[in-house]
Amino acid sequence: MTFDYTSIGFYTFDCLGRPVNDIPPNGDTYFIDELTMAVSGAAGSASIVGAKHGLKVQAVGGIGKDDMGDWVLQKLNSFDIDTKNMQLCEDYSTSASIVTTRPNGARPALHKRGATAGFFVSDELLDSVLDTKILHIGGVGLMDAMDQGRTKEVMQEAKSRGIITTLDVFASTKDDLKLIEPLLAYTDYFMPSEEEAMALTGLTDFEEVADKLLSMGAGCVVLTLGEFGAMYRSRSGEKFEIPAFDIDVVCTCGCGDCFNAGFATGLHLQMSAQDCVRLAQASSAQNAMGLGSQAVLKDLETTLQFMKTTKTKELVSN
């Protein structure tokens, strides 16, 4: 295999500012302390974190013919991420967000849907895209061209080739279950947030949520629970919870996406399931400590040291 990790899906250009309490009325101007740019999205953040952790990474998604798309490619290439399968979608702009980060780290955003909806993995690209040990799909619900059945075909082929598959969604609603359910039979690790998982299933008890998703075919369900940590359930019966790290939160934009790549790094290193989740939590926590996805996260050595030296919160059960 050429690549350790291939991240398919939602790549977005983000402009982030903090602290933002309100949007100025009329034509007024408010002053903020920080402003930055980042490649983000369920696939974008994951690809960069994987690369920072030393994985050989391939990016697969769409950009528009605009300055934002040029910058996204430049940023990905700066981390030695292979971008040959990032498609220029002529009729779309680059997916982009304005993120208004609150003092408590919450990050309401204004998003322009763009080329994530237009890219498509054709049969001619399949061998190249699947030349990988781990395949991550991030952004189901935004990938209009792929969400019509092609994502299932790609994941099915990946499983037939013995590739490990991970799956994440974008701010799901119950209506998105019809897009997710066909994918779960080909998903080794499904990693939604608790809000997304509850919205998909219509359930509020985390055990019932996990049981339902496992019954639909997922090999493992890993729920990210924000400040309450993470919960792991597998079809084999393995189950545990991991508390969150005790940190000062700056911005939560991209935390779940960085979690996914941290987990994949653990898989790549053949860690135990618990250590994979710990590494995922450490990746997510470092992300939350700065403005802009992956801003604080440096490399694998630093993440492993963070795991060893940073205190965790008290574990709270659902």
C-alpha atoms as a PDB file:
ATOM      1  CA  MET A   1       0.000   0.000   0.000  1.00  0.00           C
ATOM      2  CA  THR A   2       1.278   3.474  -0.880  1.00  0.00           C
ATOM      3  CA  PHE A   3      -0.673   5.350   1.811  1.00  0.00           C
ATOM      4  CA  ASP A   4      -1.273   4.761   5.499  1.00  0.00           C
ATOM      5  CA  TYR A   5      -4.394   6.923   5.560  1.00  0.00           C
ATOM      6  CA  THR A   6      -6.742   8.216   2.885  1.00  0.00           C
ATOM      7  CA  SER A   7      -9.266  10.855   3.952  1.00  0.00           C
ATOM      8  CA  ILE A   8     -12.254  11.279   1.627  1.00  0.00           C
ATOM      9  CA  GLY A   9     -14.963  13.906   1.867  1.00  0.00           C
ATOM     10  CA  PHE A  10     -15.446  17.341   3.380  1.00  0.00           C
ATOM     11  CA  TYR A  11     -12.568  19.792   2.858  1.00  0.00           C
ATOM     12  CA  THR A  12     -13.306  23.392   3.725  1.00  0.00           C
ATOM     13  CA  PHE A  13     -11.547  26.731   3.928  1.00  0.00           C
ATOM     14  CA  ASP A  14     -12.213  28.300   7.324  1.00  0.00           C
ATOM     15  CA  CYS A  15     -11.759  31.866   8.479  1.00  0.00           C
ATOM     16  CA  LEU A  16     -12.005  31.952  12.273  1.00  0.00           C
ATOM     17  CA  GLY A  17     -12.216  34.837  14.720  1.00  0.00           C
ATOM     18  CA  ARG A  18     -12.467  35.070  18.501  1.00  0.00           C
ATOM     19  CA  PRO A  19     -13.912  36.086  20.823  1.00  0.00           C
ATOM     20  CA  VAL A  20     -17.228  36.795  19.124  1.00  0.00           C
ATOM     21  CA  ASN A  21     -20.248  37.435  21.347  1.00  0.00           C
ATOM     22  CA  ASP A  22     -22.525  39.108  18.808  1.00  0.00           C
ATOM     23  CA  ILE A  23     -22.638  40.029  15.146  1.00  0.00           C
ATOM     24  CA  PRO A  24     -22.434  43.847  14.760  1.00  0.00           C
ATOM     25  CA  PRO A  25     -25.760  45.483  13.838  1.00  0.00           C
ATOM     26  CA  ASN A  26     -26.199  47.557  10.700  1.00  0.00           C
ATOM     27  CA  GLY A  27     -22.772  48.414   9.289  1.00  0.00           C
ATOM     28  CA  ASP A  28     -20.972  48.572  12.637  1.00  0.00           C
ATOM     29  CA  THR A  29     -17.598  46.995  13.429  1.00  0.00           C
ATOM     30  CA  TYR A  30     -16.590  45.024  16.528  1.00  0.00           C
ATOM     31  CA  PHE A  31     -12.947  44.341  17.319  1.00  0.00           C
ATOM     32  CA  ILE A  32     -11.690  40.818  18.111  1.00  0.00           C
ATOM     33  CA  ASP A  33      -8.402  39.473  19.476  1.00  0.00           C
ATOM     34  CA  GLU A  34      -7.585  36.670  17.041  1.00  0.00           C
ATOM     35  CA  LEU A  35      -8.163  35.915  13.371  1.00  0.00           C
ATOM     36  CA  THR A  36      -6.784  32.970  11.410  1.00  0.00           C
ATOM     37  CA  MET A  37      -7.344  30.633   8.477  1.00  0.00           C
ATOM     38  CA  ALA A  38      -7.417  26.834   8.437  1.00  0.00           C
ATOM     39  CA  VAL A  39      -8.191  23.823   6.307  1.00  0.00           C
ATOM     40  CA  SER A  40     -10.987  22.155   8.204  1.00  0.00           C
ATOM     41  CA  GLY A  41     -13.842  19.723   7.626  1.00  0.00           C
ATOM     42  CA  ALA A  42     -14.436  16.101   8.565  1.00  0.00           C
ATOM     43  CA  ALA A  43     -11.880  14.973   5.991  1.00  0.00           C
ATOM     44  CA  GLY A  44      -9.628  18.033   5.907  1.00  0.00           C
ATOM     45  CA  SER A  45      -8.740  18.283   9.591  1.00  0.00           C
ATOM     46  CA  ALA A  46      -8.317  14.515   9.783  1.00  0.00           C
ATOM     47  CA  SER A  47      -5.857  14.464   6.873  1.00  0.00           C
ATOM     48  CA  ILE A  48      -3.644  17.135   8.425  1.00  0.00           C
ATOM     49  CA  VAL A  49      -3.580  15.538  11.871  1.00  0.00           C
ATOM     50  CA  GLY A  50      -2.719  12.183  10.306  1.00  0.00           C
ATOM     51  CA  ALA A  51       0.164  13.824   8.439  1.00  0.00           C
ATOM     52  CA  LYS A  52       1.376  15.636  11.561  1.00  0.00           C
ATOM     53  CA  HIS A  53       1.446  12.268  13.310  1.00  0.00           C
ATOM     54  CA  GLY A  54       3.752  10.898  10.622  1.00  0.00           C
ATOM     55  CA  LEU A  55       1.274   8.944   8.501  1.00  0.00           C
ATOM     56  CA  LYS A  56       1.578   8.988   4.733  1.00  0.00           C
ATOM     57  CA  VAL A  57      -1.717  10.655   3.833  1.00  0.00           C
ATOM     58  CA  GLN A  58      -3.805  11.040   0.695  1.00  0.00           C
ATOM     59  CA  ALA A  59      -6.549  13.694   0.417  1.00  0.00           C
ATOM     60  CA  VAL A  60      -9.629  13.012  -1.717  1.00  0.00           C
ATOM     61  CA  GLY A  61     -12.307  15.669  -2.147  1.00  0.00           C
ATOM     62  CA  GLY A  62     -13.274  18.724  -4.141  1.00  0.00           C
ATOM     63  CA  ILE A  63     -12.223  22.360  -4.452  1.00  0.00           C
ATOM     64  CA  GLY A  64     -13.420  25.231  -6.598  1.00  0.00           C
ATOM     65  CA  LYS A  65     -11.450  27.293  -9.107  1.00  0.00           C
ATOM     66  CA  ASP A  66     -10.818  30.136  -6.674  1.00  0.00           C
ATOM     67  CA  ASP A  67      -8.255  31.572  -4.268  1.00  0.00           C
ATOM     68  CA  MET A  68      -9.642  29.540  -1.382  1.00  0.00           C
ATOM     69  CA  GLY A  69      -9.169  26.284  -3.293  1.00  0.00           C
ATOM     70  CA  ASP A  70      -5.603  27.282  -4.195  1.00  0.00           C
ATOM     71  CA  TRP A  71      -4.889  27.960  -0.517  1.00  0.00           C
ATOM     72  CA  VAL A  72      -6.409  24.629   0.594  1.00  0.00           C
ATOM     73  CA  LEU A  73      -4.131  22.734  -1.810  1.00  0.00           C
ATOM     74  CA  GLN A  74      -1.122  24.779  -0.752  1.00  0.00           C
ATOM     75  CA  LYS A  75      -1.809  24.077   2.919  1.00  0.00           C
ATOM     76  CA  LEU A  76      -2.321  20.344   2.381  1.00  0.00           C
ATOM     77  CA  ASN A  77       0.855  20.130   0.319  1.00  0.00           C
ATOM     78  CA  SER A  78       2.789  21.934   3.065  1.00  0.00           C
ATOM     79  CA  PHE A  79       2.193  18.850   5.225  1.00  0.00           C
ATOM     80  CA  ASP A  80       3.304  16.506   2.397  1.00  0.00           C
ATOM     81  CA  ILE A  81      -0.267  15.297   1.896  1.00  0.00           C
ATOM     82  CA  ASP A  82      -0.819  13.794  -1.544  1.00  0.00           C
ATOM     83  CA  THR A  83      -3.445  15.865  -3.374  1.00  0.00           C
ATOM     84  CA  LYS A  84      -3.500  14.225  -6.810  1.00  0.00           C
ATOM     85  CA  ASN A  85      -7.091  13.071  -6.136  1.00  0.00           C
ATOM     86  CA  MET A  86      -8.349  16.457  -4.951  1.00  0.00           C
ATOM     87  CA  GLN A  87     -10.689  17.366  -7.804  1.00  0.00           C
ATOM     88  CA  LEU A  88     -11.221  20.789  -9.326  1.00  0.00           C
ATOM     89  CA  CYS A  89     -15.012  21.073  -9.614  1.00  0.00           C
ATOM     90  CA  GLU A  90     -15.628  23.696 -12.290  1.00  0.00           C
ATOM     91  CA  ASP A  91     -19.218  24.532 -11.375  1.00  0.00           C
ATOM     92  CA  TYR A  92     -18.569  24.929  -7.648  1.00  0.00           C
ATOM     93  CA  SER A  93     -16.749  27.270  -5.319  1.00  0.00           C
ATOM     94  CA  THR A  94     -14.544  25.860  -2.574  1.00  0.00           C
ATOM     95  CA  SER A  95     -16.536  24.885   0.517  1.00  0.00           C
ATOM     96  CA  ALA A  96     -15.905  27.639   3.057  1.00  0.00           C
ATOM     97  CA  SER A  97     -16.932  28.806   6.528  1.00  0.00           C
ATOM     98  CA  ILE A  98     -16.796  31.917   8.677  1.00  0.00           C
ATOM     99  CA  VAL A  99     -16.423  30.639  12.234  1.00  0.00           C
ATOM    100  CA  THR A 100     -17.437  33.002  15.052  1.00  0.00           C
ATOM    101  CA  THR A 101     -15.788  31.457  18.092  1.00  0.00           C
ATOM    102  CA  ARG A 102     -17.398  32.298  21.437  1.00  0.00           C
ATOM    103  CA  PRO A 103     -15.398  32.929  24.625  1.00  0.00           C
ATOM    104  CA  ASN A 104     -16.401  29.455  25.883  1.00  0.00           C
ATOM    105  CA  GLY A 105     -15.057  27.743  22.747  1.00  0.00           C
ATOM    106  CA  ALA A 106     -18.411  27.193  21.019  1.00  0.00           C
ATOM    107  CA  ARG A 107     -18.141  27.929  17.318  1.00  0.00           C
ATOM    108  CA  PRO A 108     -21.319  28.911  15.477  1.00  0.00           C
ATOM    109  CA  ALA A 109     -20.472  29.146  11.800  1.00  0.00           C
ATOM    110  CA  LEU A 110     -21.717  30.506   8.513  1.00  0.00           C
ATOM    111  CA  HIS A 111     -21.041  27.892   5.831  1.00  0.00           C
ATOM    112  CA  LYS A 112     -21.064  28.131   2.046  1.00  0.00           C
ATOM    113  CA  ARG A 113     -21.672  24.686   0.562  1.00  0.00           C
ATOM    114  CA  GLY A 114     -19.330  24.128  -2.316  1.00  0.00           C
ATOM    115  CA  ALA A 115     -17.193  21.567  -4.105  1.00  0.00           C
ATOM    116  CA  THR A 116     -17.637  18.902  -1.432  1.00  0.00           C
ATOM    117  CA  ALA A 117     -21.000  18.365  -3.116  1.00  0.00           C
ATOM    118  CA  GLY A 118     -19.469  17.972  -6.568  1.00  0.00           C
ATOM    119  CA  PHE A 119     -16.481  15.622  -6.376  1.00  0.00           C
ATOM    120  CA  PHE A 120     -16.895  11.972  -7.400  1.00  0.00           C
ATOM    121  CA  VAL A 121     -14.673   8.900  -7.161  1.00  0.00           C
ATOM    122  CA  SER A 122     -14.987   7.305 -10.593  1.00  0.00           C
ATOM    123  CA  ASP A 123     -14.050   3.731 -11.473  1.00  0.00           C
ATOM    124  CA  GLU A 124     -10.878   5.068 -13.096  1.00  0.00           C
ATOM    125  CA  LEU A 125      -9.794   6.589  -9.765  1.00  0.00           C
ATOM    126  CA  LEU A 126     -10.742   3.676  -7.547  1.00  0.00           C
ATOM    127  CA  ASP A 127      -7.413   1.818  -7.516  1.00  0.00           C
ATOM    128  CA  SER A 128      -5.564   5.028  -6.733  1.00  0.00           C
ATOM    129  CA  VAL A 129      -7.985   6.078  -3.982  1.00  0.00           C
ATOM    130  CA  LEU A 130      -7.933   2.628  -2.359  1.00  0.00           C
ATOM    131  CA  ASP A 131      -4.147   2.303  -2.363  1.00  0.00           C
ATOM    132  CA  THR A 132      -4.240   2.692   1.413  1.00  0.00           C
ATOM    133  CA  LYS A 133      -4.235   0.820   4.726  1.00  0.00           C
ATOM    134  CA  ILE A 134      -6.950   2.942   6.372  1.00  0.00           C
ATOM    135  CA  LEU A 135      -9.823   4.643   4.555  1.00  0.00           C
ATOM    136  CA  HIS A 136     -11.665   7.479   6.297  1.00  0.00           C
ATOM    137  CA  ILE A 137     -14.969   8.854   5.006  1.00  0.00           C
ATOM    138  CA  GLY A 138     -15.762  12.222   6.581  1.00  0.00           C
ATOM    139  CA  GLY A 139     -18.743  14.373   5.729  1.00  0.00           C
ATOM    140  CA  VAL A 140     -21.632  12.133   4.739  1.00  0.00           C
ATOM    141  CA  GLY A 141     -24.591  14.442   4.210  1.00  0.00           C
ATOM    142  CA  LEU A 142     -22.562  17.097   2.366  1.00  0.00           C
ATOM    143  CA  MET A 143     -21.144  14.915  -0.427  1.00  0.00           C
ATOM    144  CA  ASP A 144     -24.113  15.200  -2.782  1.00  0.00           C
ATOM    145  CA  ALA A 145     -22.588  13.319  -5.722  1.00  0.00           C
ATOM    146  CA  MET A 146     -21.089  10.598  -3.523  1.00  0.00           C
ATOM    147  CA  ASP A 147     -24.054  10.290  -1.161  1.00  0.00           C
ATOM    148  CA  GLN A 148     -26.277   8.827  -3.874  1.00  0.00           C
ATOM    149  CA  GLY A 149     -24.776   5.361  -3.454  1.00  0.00           C
ATOM    150  CA  ARG A 150     -21.191   5.817  -4.585  1.00  0.00           C
ATOM    151  CA  THR A 151     -19.788   6.058  -1.052  1.00  0.00           C
ATOM    152  CA  LYS A 152     -21.263   2.640  -0.298  1.00  0.00           C
ATOM    153  CA  GLU A 153     -19.648   1.172  -3.421  1.00  0.00           C
ATOM    154  CA  VAL A 154     -16.253   2.631  -2.490  1.00  0.00           C
ATOM    155  CA  MET A 155     -16.468   1.333   1.087  1.00  0.00           C
ATOM    156  CA  GLN A 156     -17.666  -2.075  -0.056  1.00  0.00           C
ATOM    157  CA  GLU A 157     -14.687  -2.347  -2.393  1.00  0.00           C
ATOM    158  CA  ALA A 158     -12.366  -1.146   0.360  1.00  0.00           C
ATOM    159  CA  LYS A 159     -13.561  -3.915   2.678  1.00  0.00           C
ATOM    160  CA  SER A 160     -13.129  -6.520  -0.075  1.00  0.00           C
ATOM    161  CA  ARG A 161      -9.475  -5.425  -0.277  1.00  0.00           C
ATOM    162  CA  GLY A 162      -8.930  -5.713   3.479  1.00  0.00           C
ATOM    163  CA  ILE A 163      -8.738  -1.966   4.125  1.00  0.00           C
ATOM    164  CA  ILE A 164      -9.703  -0.664   7.583  1.00  0.00           C
ATOM    165  CA  THR A 165     -12.623   1.769   7.290  1.00  0.00           C
ATOM    166  CA  THR A 166     -13.653   4.655   9.530  1.00  0.00           C
ATOM    167  CA  LEU A 167     -16.725   6.837   9.098  1.00  0.00           C
ATOM    168  CA  ASP A 168     -17.917  10.238  10.296  1.00  0.00           C
ATOM    169  CA  VAL A 169     -20.861  12.460   9.388  1.00  0.00           C
ATOM    170  CA  PHE A 170     -21.688  16.159   9.244  1.00  0.00           C
ATOM    171  CA  ALA A 171     -24.177  17.576  11.758  1.00  0.00           C
ATOM    172  CA  SER A 172     -26.695  14.836  11.099  1.00  0.00           C
ATOM    173  CA  THR A 173     -30.450  14.848  11.341  1.00  0.00           C
ATOM    174  CA  LYS A 174     -32.744  11.820  11.463  1.00  0.00           C
ATOM    175  CA  ASP A 175     -33.262  12.223   7.707  1.00  0.00           C
ATOM    176  CA  ASP A 176     -29.566  11.426   7.175  1.00  0.00           C
ATOM    177  CA  LEU A 177     -30.001   7.899   8.550  1.00  0.00           C
ATOM    178  CA  LYS A 178     -30.941   6.721   5.049  1.00  0.00           C
ATOM    179  CA  LEU A 179     -27.475   7.837   3.908  1.00  0.00           C
ATOM    180  CA  ILE A 180     -25.614   6.310   6.856  1.00  0.00           C
ATOM    181  CA  GLU A 181     -27.329   2.952   7.313  1.00  0.00           C
ATOM    182  CA  PRO A 182     -26.194   1.440   3.970  1.00  0.00           C
ATOM    183  CA  LEU A 183     -22.577   2.289   4.872  1.00  0.00           C
ATOM    184  CA  LEU A 184     -22.445   0.697   8.310  1.00  0.00           C
ATOM    185  CA  ALA A 185     -22.053  -2.886   7.067  1.00  0.00           C
ATOM    186  CA  TYR A 186     -18.735  -1.753   5.547  1.00  0.00           C
ATOM    187  CA  THR A 187     -17.633   0.386   8.493  1.00  0.00           C
ATOM    188  CA  ASP A 188     -15.123  -0.893  11.024  1.00  0.00           C
ATOM    189  CA  TYR A 189     -15.324   2.216  13.207  1.00  0.00           C
ATOM    190  CA  PHE A 190     -18.228   4.690  13.198  1.00  0.00           C
ATOM    191  CA  MET A 191     -17.279   7.829  15.148  1.00  0.00           C
ATOM    192  CA  PRO A 192     -20.075  10.415  15.406  1.00  0.00           C
ATOM    193  CA  SER A 193     -20.518  12.959  18.156  1.00  0.00           C
ATOM    194  CA  GLU A 194     -23.211  12.253  20.713  1.00  0.00           C
ATOM    195  CA  GLU A 195     -25.435  14.948  19.163  1.00  0.00           C
ATOM    196  CA  GLU A 196     -25.070  13.432  15.698  1.00  0.00           C
ATOM    197  CA  ALA A 197     -25.668   9.892  16.946  1.00  0.00           C
ATOM    198  CA  MET A 198     -28.768  10.885  18.892  1.00  0.00           C
ATOM    199  CA  ALA A 199     -30.123  12.831  15.927  1.00  0.00           C
ATOM    200  CA  LEU A 200     -29.571   9.885  13.585  1.00  0.00           C
ATOM    201  CA  THR A 201     -31.187   7.288  15.821  1.00  0.00           C
ATOM    202  CA  GLY A 202     -33.838   9.384  17.553  1.00  0.00           C
ATOM    203  CA  LEU A 203     -32.614   7.966  20.879  1.00  0.00           C
ATOM    204  CA  THR A 204     -31.109   9.718  23.900  1.00  0.00           C
ATOM    205  CA  ASP A 205     -29.663   6.860  25.974  1.00  0.00           C
ATOM    206  CA  PHE A 206     -26.095   6.305  24.794  1.00  0.00           C
ATOM    207  CA  GLU A 207     -26.224   2.543  25.300  1.00  0.00           C
ATOM    208  CA  GLU A 208     -29.356   2.334  23.172  1.00  0.00           C
ATOM    209  CA  VAL A 209     -27.773   4.609  20.578  1.00  0.00           C
ATOM    210  CA  ALA A 210     -24.690   2.401  20.332  1.00  0.00           C
ATOM    211  CA  ASP A 211     -26.743  -0.805  20.265  1.00  0.00           C
ATOM    212  CA  LYS A 212     -28.866   0.483  17.399  1.00  0.00           C
ATOM    213  CA  LEU A 213     -25.873   1.543  15.334  1.00  0.00           C
ATOM    214  CA  LEU A 214     -24.121  -1.770  15.974  1.00  0.00           C
ATOM    215  CA  SER A 215     -27.266  -3.658  14.980  1.00  0.00           C
ATOM    216  CA  MET A 216     -27.177  -1.793  11.649  1.00  0.00           C
ATOM    217  CA  GLY A 217     -23.791  -3.316  10.890  1.00  0.00           C
ATOM    218  CA  ALA A 218     -21.027  -1.128  12.325  1.00  0.00           C
ATOM    219  CA  GLY A 219     -18.097  -3.087  13.712  1.00  0.00           C
ATOM    220  CA  CYS A 220     -17.468  -0.552  16.471  1.00  0.00           C
ATOM    221  CA  VAL A 221     -19.166   2.649  17.577  1.00  0.00           C
ATOM    222  CA  VAL A 222     -17.075   5.359  19.211  1.00  0.00           C
ATOM    223  CA  LEU A 223     -19.163   8.257  20.517  1.00  0.00           C
ATOM    224  CA  THR A 224     -17.341  11.513  21.179  1.00  0.00           C
ATOM    225  CA  LEU A 225     -18.958  13.133  24.205  1.00  0.00           C
ATOM    226  CA  GLY A 226     -17.224  16.500  24.347  1.00  0.00           C
ATOM    227  CA  GLU A 227     -16.190  17.439  27.884  1.00  0.00           C
ATOM    228  CA  PHE A 228     -17.452  14.042  29.091  1.00  0.00           C
ATOM    229  CA  GLY A 229     -14.925  12.051  27.079  1.00  0.00           C
ATOM    230  CA  ALA A 230     -15.628   9.181  24.722  1.00  0.00           C
ATOM    231  CA  MET A 231     -17.500   5.887  24.744  1.00  0.00           C
ATOM    232  CA  TYR A 232     -16.443   2.729  22.856  1.00  0.00           C
ATOM    233  CA  ARG A 233     -18.734  -0.201  22.020  1.00  0.00           C
ATOM    234  CA  SER A 234     -17.982  -3.066  19.638  1.00  0.00           C
ATOM    235  CA  ARG A 235     -19.927  -5.971  18.165  1.00  0.00           C
ATOM    236  CA  SER A 236     -17.429  -8.309  19.844  1.00  0.00           C
ATOM    237  CA  GLY A 237     -18.603  -7.026  23.238  1.00  0.00           C
ATOM    238  CA  GLU A 238     -15.642  -4.796  24.140  1.00  0.00           C
ATOM    239  CA  LYS A 239     -16.866  -1.680  25.918  1.00  0.00           C
ATOM    240  CA  PHE A 240     -15.300   1.149  27.885  1.00  0.00           C
ATOM    241  CA  GLU A 241     -15.394   4.899  28.527  1.00  0.00           C
ATOM    242  CA  ILE A 242     -12.456   7.315  28.465  1.00  0.00           C
ATOM    243  CA  PRO A 243     -12.630  10.671  30.309  1.00  0.00           C
ATOM    244  CA  ALA A 244     -11.813  13.964  28.607  1.00  0.00           C
ATOM    245  CA  PHE A 245      -8.570  15.778  29.280  1.00  0.00           C
ATOM    246  CA  ASP A 246      -8.801  18.726  31.659  1.00  0.00           C
ATOM    247  CA  ILE A 247      -7.841  21.692  29.466  1.00  0.00           C
ATOM    248  CA  ASP A 248      -8.701  25.336  28.891  1.00  0.00           C
ATOM    249  CA  VAL A 249     -10.822  25.353  25.753  1.00  0.00           C
ATOM    250  CA  VAL A 250     -10.188  28.040  23.127  1.00  0.00           C
ATOM    251  CA  CYS A 251     -12.128  26.717  20.128  1.00  0.00           C
ATOM    252  CA  THR A 252     -13.887  23.395  19.527  1.00  0.00           C
ATOM    253  CA  CYS A 253     -13.875  23.705  15.724  1.00  0.00           C
ATOM    254  CA  GLY A 254     -12.547  20.457  14.257  1.00  0.00           C
ATOM    255  CA  CYS A 255     -12.270  18.546  17.524  1.00  0.00           C
ATOM    256  CA  GLY A 256     -14.215  15.528  16.300  1.00  0.00           C
ATOM    257  CA  ASP A 257     -12.264  15.477  13.043  1.00  0.00           C
ATOM    258  CA  CYS A 258      -8.952  15.514  14.902  1.00  0.00           C
ATOM    259  CA  PHE A 259     -10.285  12.738  17.139  1.00  0.00           C
ATOM    260  CA  ASN A 260     -10.832  10.610  14.037  1.00  0.00           C
ATOM    261  CA  ALA A 261      -7.257  11.046  12.845  1.00  0.00           C
ATOM    262  CA  GLY A 262      -5.840  10.395  16.302  1.00  0.00           C
ATOM    263  CA  PHE A 263      -7.803   7.156  16.420  1.00  0.00           C
ATOM    264  CA  ALA A 264      -6.504   6.207  12.968  1.00  0.00           C
ATOM    265  CA  THR A 265      -2.949   6.917  14.139  1.00  0.00           C
ATOM    266  CA  GLY A 266      -3.488   4.445  16.964  1.00  0.00           C
ATOM    267  CA  LEU A 267      -4.761   1.862  14.489  1.00  0.00           C
ATOM    268  CA  HIS A 268      -1.715   2.456  12.310  1.00  0.00           C
ATOM    269  CA  LEU A 269       0.546   1.930  15.325  1.00  0.00           C
ATOM    270  CA  GLN A 270      -1.411  -1.244  16.241  1.00  0.00           C
ATOM    271  CA  MET A 271      -2.386   0.114  19.633  1.00  0.00           C
ATOM    272  CA  SER A 272      -5.113  -1.401  21.772  1.00  0.00           C
ATOM    273  CA  ALA A 273      -8.620  -0.019  21.381  1.00  0.00           C
ATOM    274  CA  GLN A 274      -8.299   1.906  24.651  1.00  0.00           C
ATOM    275  CA  ASP A 275      -5.016   3.478  23.605  1.00  0.00           C
ATOM    276  CA  CYS A 276      -6.476   4.364  20.205  1.00  0.00           C
ATOM    277  CA  VAL A 277      -9.230   6.285  21.976  1.00  0.00           C
ATOM    278  CA  ARG A 278      -6.748   7.929  24.352  1.00  0.00           C
ATOM    279  CA  LEU A 279      -4.647   9.070  21.409  1.00  0.00           C
ATOM    280  CA  ALA A 280      -7.808  10.321  19.703  1.00  0.00           C
ATOM    281  CA  GLN A 281      -8.790  12.252  22.833  1.00  0.00           C
ATOM    282  CA  ALA A 282      -5.327  13.772  23.098  1.00  0.00           C
ATOM    283  CA  SER A 283      -5.489  14.896  19.464  1.00  0.00           C
ATOM    284  CA  SER A 284      -8.918  16.439  19.983  1.00  0.00           C
ATOM    285  CA  ALA A 285      -7.895  18.160  23.220  1.00  0.00           C
ATOM    286  CA  GLN A 286      -4.824  19.767  21.678  1.00  0.00           C
ATOM    287  CA  ASN A 287      -6.994  20.993  18.816  1.00  0.00           C
ATOM    288  CA  ALA A 288      -9.355  22.663  21.316  1.00  0.00           C
ATOM    289  CA  MET A 289      -6.491  24.604  22.894  1.00  0.00           C
ATOM    290  CA  GLY A 290      -5.983  26.908  19.899  1.00  0.00           C
ATOM    291  CA  LEU A 291      -7.898  28.803  17.241  1.00  0.00           C
ATOM    292  CA  GLY A 292      -8.259  26.935  13.971  1.00  0.00           C
ATOM    293  CA  SER A 293      -8.322  23.193  13.365  1.00  0.00           C
ATOM    294  CA  GLN A 294      -5.063  21.431  14.324  1.00  0.00           C
ATOM    295  CA  ALA A 295      -3.402  24.725  15.334  1.00  0.00           C
ATOM    296  CA  VAL A 296      -1.821  23.469  18.558  1.00  0.00           C
ATOM    297  CA  LEU A 297      -1.225  19.856  17.561  1.00  0.00           C
ATOM    298  CA  LYS A 298       2.424  19.476  16.532  1.00  0.00           C
ATOM    299  CA  ASP A 299       3.532  15.870  16.031  1.00  0.00           C
ATOM    300  CA  LEU A 300       3.135  12.335  17.362  1.00  0.00           C
ATOM    301  CA  GLU A 301       5.820  12.664  20.024  1.00  0.00           C
ATOM    302  CA  THR A 302       4.127  15.744  21.466  1.00  0.00           C
ATOM    303  CA  THR A 303       0.714  14.071  21.393  1.00  0.00           C
ATOM    304  CA  LEU A 304       2.037  10.998  23.209  1.00  0.00           C
ATOM    305  CA  GLN A 305       3.678  13.226  25.810  1.00  0.00           C
ATOM    306  CA  PHE A 306       0.402  15.139  26.208  1.00  0.00           C
ATOM    307  CA  MET A 307      -1.348  11.822  26.918  1.00  0.00           C
ATOM    308  CA  LYS A 308       1.130  11.001  29.668  1.00  0.00           C
ATOM    309  CA  THR A 309       1.250  14.361  31.418  1.00  0.00           C
ATOM    310  CA  THR A 310      -2.183  15.958  31.081  1.00  0.00           C
ATOM    311  CA  LYS A 311      -4.781  15.321  33.759  1.00  0.00           C
ATOM    312  CA  THR A 312      -8.211  14.022  32.868  1.00  0.00           C
ATOM    313  CA  LYS A 313     -11.597  14.998  34.187  1.00  0.00           C
ATOM    314  CA  GLU A 314     -13.675  12.763  36.399  1.00  0.00           C
ATOM    315  CA  LEU A 315     -15.488  10.160  34.326  1.00  0.00           C
ATOM    316  CA  VAL A 316     -19.241  10.774  34.211  1.00  0.00           C
ATOM    317  CA  SER A 317     -21.547   7.988  33.064  1.00  0.00           C
ATOM    318  CA  ASN A 318     -24.650   8.576  30.925  1.00  0.00           C
END
